[in-house]
Amino acid sequence: MAFWNVDLTTEDGALGATGNGAYACFIAAILTAISAFFLGGMTSDMVARGAMGVIALVAIGLFVVTGLRLRSGKGAFWGSVTVAWLGLEVLGKLLALSIPGLIINTVLLIVLINGVRGAWALRRGVGDDAGATFE
């Protein structure tokens, strides 16, 4: 099953989607930390470096909290906030014409949206488990 086509009618499919969304959050947190490290090294102004550090820490914290919540099959609210944050990042990459960053963030956004959809499906209650098919 591809990551853009998830089955949210079963609990296994919804849990798989939230697991993939958690991985996307953890990857986004790692990429944010790496980019903050390199951008902080290129900036000589201490005020700008501090502001970038605070924004990076907020983003990393948001990604990690959302990843942990999605990993447990919850996190519909935190996932929605993180989708908005990552959507703004995609818009920034588009305005900056950063094609590799745009592609990476778009893929992460698609996977995260499916993870949030899985969390909402688990919150609503999904159909019977796939194991009931074999009874």
Protein backbone atom coordinates (compact mmCIF):
# COMPACT_ATOMS: atom_id res chain seq x y z
CA MET A 1 0.00 0.00 0.00
CA ALA A 2 1.36 3.39 -0.93
CA PHE A 3 1.62 6.14 1.65
CA TRP A 4 -0.79 8.41 -0.22
CA ASN A 5 -3.53 5.76 -0.38
CA VAL A 6 -4.39 4.54 3.11
CA ASP A 7 -7.24 2.31 4.21
CA LEU A 8 -9.00 4.00 7.11
CA THR A 9 -11.89 1.53 7.29
CA THR A 10 -9.97 -0.89 9.52
CA GLU A 11 -8.14 -0.32 12.76
CA ASP A 12 -4.94 -1.77 11.30
CA GLY A 13 -5.03 0.65 8.38
CA ALA A 14 -5.65 3.64 10.65
CA LEU A 15 -2.85 2.59 13.02
CA GLY A 16 -0.53 2.13 10.05
CA ALA A 17 -1.36 5.64 8.85
CA THR A 18 -0.68 7.13 12.27
CA GLY A 19 2.60 5.23 12.46
CA ASN A 20 3.67 6.64 9.10
CA GLY A 21 2.62 10.11 10.24
CA ALA A 22 4.78 9.69 13.35
CA TYR A 23 7.78 8.77 11.20
CA ALA A 24 7.16 11.86 9.07
CA CYS A 25 7.15 14.01 12.22
CA PHE A 26 10.40 12.51 13.47
CA ILE A 27 12.05 13.02 10.07
CA ALA A 28 10.83 16.63 10.00
CA ALA A 29 12.25 17.19 13.50
CA ILE A 30 15.65 15.83 12.44
CA LEU A 31 15.68 17.94 9.27
CA THR A 32 14.70 21.03 11.27
CA ALA A 33 17.55 20.43 13.72
CA ILE A 34 20.07 19.98 10.90
CA SER A 35 18.92 23.10 9.08
CA ALA A 36 18.96 25.18 12.28
CA PHE A 37 22.50 23.99 12.98
CA PHE A 38 23.77 25.02 9.55
CA LEU A 39 21.80 28.29 9.37
CA GLY A 40 22.97 29.23 12.87
CA GLY A 41 26.57 28.73 11.78
CA MET A 42 26.11 31.01 8.79
CA THR A 43 24.60 33.88 10.79
CA SER A 44 26.89 36.31 12.57
CA ASP A 45 24.14 38.39 14.23
CA MET A 46 23.47 37.03 17.72
CA VAL A 47 19.89 38.31 17.86
CA ALA A 48 19.00 36.60 14.58
CA ARG A 49 20.77 33.44 15.73
CA GLY A 50 18.77 33.45 18.97
CA ALA A 51 15.47 34.00 17.16
CA MET A 52 16.23 31.15 14.75
CA GLY A 53 17.11 28.94 17.68
CA VAL A 54 13.85 29.65 19.48
CA ILE A 55 11.78 29.04 16.34
CA ALA A 56 13.70 25.83 15.63
CA LEU A 57 13.17 24.59 19.20
CA VAL A 58 9.45 25.29 18.97
CA ALA A 59 9.24 23.44 15.65
CA ILE A 60 11.29 20.49 16.89
CA GLY A 61 9.19 20.27 20.06
CA LEU A 62 5.99 20.38 18.03
CA PHE A 63 7.20 17.64 15.68
CA VAL A 64 8.39 15.39 18.52
CA VAL A 65 5.21 15.77 20.59
CA THR A 66 3.05 15.11 17.54
CA GLY A 67 5.18 12.13 16.55
CA LEU A 68 4.86 10.59 19.99
CA ARG A 69 1.10 11.17 20.08
CA LEU A 70 0.61 9.71 16.60
CA ARG A 71 2.80 6.74 17.52
CA SER A 72 0.27 5.87 20.24
CA GLY A 73 -2.65 6.18 17.83
CA LYS A 74 -3.79 9.52 19.18
CA GLY A 75 -2.76 13.07 18.35
CA ALA A 76 -5.57 14.33 16.14
CA PHE A 77 -5.33 17.85 17.62
CA TRP A 78 -1.52 18.04 17.70
CA GLY A 79 -1.41 16.56 14.23
CA SER A 80 -3.72 19.26 12.90
CA VAL A 81 -1.50 21.98 14.38
CA THR A 82 1.58 20.33 12.90
CA VAL A 83 -0.07 20.04 9.48
CA ALA A 84 -0.67 23.80 9.58
CA TRP A 85 2.96 24.43 10.58
CA LEU A 86 4.31 22.16 7.86
CA GLY A 87 1.93 23.75 5.36
CA LEU A 88 3.47 27.13 6.16
CA GLU A 89 6.91 25.60 5.64
CA VAL A 90 5.83 24.28 2.24
CA LEU A 91 4.56 27.74 1.35
CA GLY A 92 7.88 29.25 2.43
CA LYS A 93 9.82 26.75 0.33
CA LEU A 94 7.59 27.57 -2.64
CA LEU A 95 8.16 31.31 -2.23
CA ALA A 96 11.91 30.76 -1.85
CA LEU A 97 11.94 28.48 -4.92
CA SER A 98 13.73 25.76 -2.96
CA ILE A 99 12.80 22.79 -5.13
CA PRO A 100 14.46 19.98 -3.09
CA GLY A 101 13.02 21.34 0.16
CA LEU A 102 9.63 21.75 -1.48
CA ILE A 103 9.59 18.13 -2.64
CA ILE A 104 10.72 16.76 0.73
CA ASN A 105 8.28 18.87 2.74
CA THR A 106 5.41 18.07 0.38
CA VAL A 107 5.98 14.34 0.80
CA LEU A 108 6.22 14.75 4.58
CA LEU A 109 3.03 16.83 4.53
CA ILE A 110 1.13 14.16 2.56
CA VAL A 111 2.23 11.42 4.97
CA LEU A 112 1.41 13.59 7.98
CA ILE A 113 -2.06 14.44 6.64
CA ASN A 114 -2.78 10.73 6.24
CA GLY A 115 -1.52 10.15 9.79
CA VAL A 116 -3.90 12.79 11.11
CA ARG A 117 -6.73 11.25 9.10
CA GLY A 118 -5.87 7.93 10.74
CA ALA A 119 -5.93 9.53 14.19
CA TRP A 120 -9.33 11.08 13.49
CA ALA A 121 -10.60 7.70 12.24
CA LEU A 122 -9.38 6.00 15.42
CA ARG A 123 -10.99 8.71 17.49
CA ARG A 124 -14.34 8.23 15.70
CA GLY A 125 -14.08 4.49 15.88
CA VAL A 126 -13.33 2.42 12.81
CA GLY A 127 -14.89 -0.77 11.51
CA ASP A 128 -14.10 -4.28 12.65
CA ASP A 129 -10.54 -5.49 12.73
CA ALA A 130 -9.18 -7.41 9.75
CA GLY A 131 -8.92 -10.55 11.89
CA ALA A 132 -12.69 -10.84 12.02
CA THR A 133 -12.66 -11.61 8.32
CA PHE A 134 -11.10 -15.04 8.93
CA GLU A 135 -13.56 -16.24 11.57
